[in-house]
Protein backbone atom coordinates (compact mmCIF):
# COMPACT_ATOMS: atom_id res chain seq x y z
CA MET A 1 0.25 0.16 -0.11
CA LYS A 2 3.01 2.47 1.07
CA VAL A 3 4.70 1.56 -2.56
CA ASP A 4 1.21 2.87 -4.24
CA ILE A 5 1.23 5.91 -2.15
CA ARG A 6 4.51 6.62 -3.05
CA LYS A 7 4.13 6.24 -6.92
CA PHE A 8 0.99 8.10 -6.78
CA ASN A 9 3.09 10.85 -5.23
CA ALA A 10 5.76 10.74 -7.24
CA ARG A 11 3.16 10.92 -10.57
CA ILE A 12 1.54 13.55 -8.95
CA LYS A 13 4.78 15.56 -8.50
CA GLU A 14 6.10 14.90 -12.14
CA ASN A 15 2.15 16.12 -13.19
CA LYS A 16 3.02 19.46 -11.39
CA SER A 17 6.16 19.95 -12.85
CA LYS A 18 4.47 19.01 -16.57
CA LEU A 19 1.68 22.03 -16.09
CA VAL A 20 4.50 24.47 -14.96
CA ILE A 21 6.23 23.95 -18.09
CA ARG A 22 3.05 24.22 -20.31
CA THR A 23 1.66 27.68 -18.85
CA GLY A 24 4.79 29.18 -18.23
CA LEU A 25 4.88 32.36 -20.95
CA PRO A 26 6.33 32.89 -23.39
CA HIS A 27 5.97 30.46 -26.43
CA LEU A 28 6.51 30.76 -30.13
CA VAL A 29 4.46 29.76 -32.82
CA SER A 30 6.52 26.99 -34.82
CA THR A 31 5.95 24.74 -38.01
CA VAL A 32 6.43 20.87 -37.30
CA SER A 33 8.93 20.18 -40.82
CA GLU A 34 9.77 16.39 -40.17
CA ILE A 35 8.50 13.70 -37.77
CA PHE A 36 11.25 10.68 -37.86
CA ASP A 37 11.76 7.59 -35.55
CA LEU A 38 14.85 7.21 -33.20
CA GLU A 39 16.87 4.58 -33.25
CA PRO A 40 16.64 2.12 -29.96
CA GLN A 41 18.85 3.80 -27.16
CA GLN A 42 21.64 1.88 -26.09
CA GLN A 43 21.83 0.52 -22.39
CA GLU A 44 24.57 2.20 -20.34
CA GLU A 45 27.63 0.50 -18.95
CA GLU A 46 27.08 -0.48 -15.61
CA GLY A 47 30.47 0.99 -14.73
CA SER A 48 29.47 4.23 -16.56
CA GLY A 49 27.21 5.52 -13.83
CA LEU A 50 24.89 7.26 -16.28
CA LYS A 51 21.09 5.76 -16.22
CA GLN A 52 18.40 6.77 -18.51
CA ASN A 53 15.80 8.42 -17.03
CA GLU A 54 12.28 6.96 -17.47
CA MET A 55 11.27 10.12 -19.91
CA THR A 56 13.62 9.13 -22.32
CA LYS A 57 13.51 5.56 -21.84
CA ASN A 58 10.94 4.65 -24.20
CA ILE A 59 11.11 7.92 -26.90
CA THR A 60 10.90 6.35 -30.40
CA LYS A 61 9.71 9.38 -32.29
CA GLY A 62 11.41 12.74 -32.78
CA ALA A 63 10.96 16.48 -35.07
CA ILE A 64 12.11 19.01 -36.14
CA ILE A 65 10.39 22.07 -36.43
CA LYS A 66 10.88 25.50 -37.40
CA THR A 67 10.34 28.64 -34.81
CA SER A 68 8.03 31.96 -35.42
CA THR A 69 11.67 33.22 -34.68
CA ARG A 70 13.41 31.60 -38.08
CA ASN A 71 15.54 28.96 -35.90
CA THR A 72 15.33 25.19 -36.81
CA ILE A 73 15.05 23.07 -34.17
CA PHE A 74 15.69 19.00 -33.86
CA LEU A 75 13.68 17.49 -30.86
CA PRO A 76 14.49 14.36 -29.66
CA VAL A 77 11.76 14.46 -27.29
CA ILE A 78 9.20 16.12 -28.80
CA GLY A 79 6.86 17.25 -25.37
CA PHE A 80 3.76 16.92 -24.69
CA VAL A 81 1.66 16.41 -28.03
CA GLU A 82 1.87 12.68 -28.93
CA PRO A 83 4.03 12.30 -32.16
CA GLU A 84 1.03 10.10 -33.81
CA GLU A 85 -0.78 13.35 -33.52
CA LEU A 86 1.39 15.46 -35.21
CA LYS A 87 1.86 16.10 -39.26
CA PRO A 88 4.27 17.94 -41.09
CA LEU A 89 3.14 21.67 -41.81
CA GLU A 90 1.43 21.66 -38.80
CA LEU A 91 1.47 24.81 -36.38
CA VAL A 92 2.09 24.08 -32.53
CA GLY A 93 2.83 26.13 -29.67
CA VAL A 94 6.03 25.97 -28.24
CA ASN A 95 8.08 26.83 -24.82
CA LYS A 96 10.94 29.76 -26.00
CA ASP A 97 13.27 27.92 -23.51
CA THR A 98 12.79 24.30 -23.81
CA PHE A 99 10.92 23.94 -27.37
CA PHE A 100 8.65 21.51 -25.79
CA ASN A 101 5.17 21.30 -27.71
CA ILE A 102 2.40 22.10 -25.26
């Protein structure tokens, strides 16, 4: 029972941090240029001390977007919108600092 409560509390904390990013200003309007499959990430060696976090472990899609400030950005982590919902030439809002889709 205590394990379930810890999982729920961790999930609540994660969702609160996502809300802060989503509602934070300023935002940019961007155009999706391309969506593509990423190669599976290699498992880290045990002695290296580096581990993949839960957010990046199951990432299979990446994107290239063009912002309203004329920047072209590669996004290995697309953001909050599911990659299956995005198509090239669609307009999306992104956070100015992180370029996460909102």
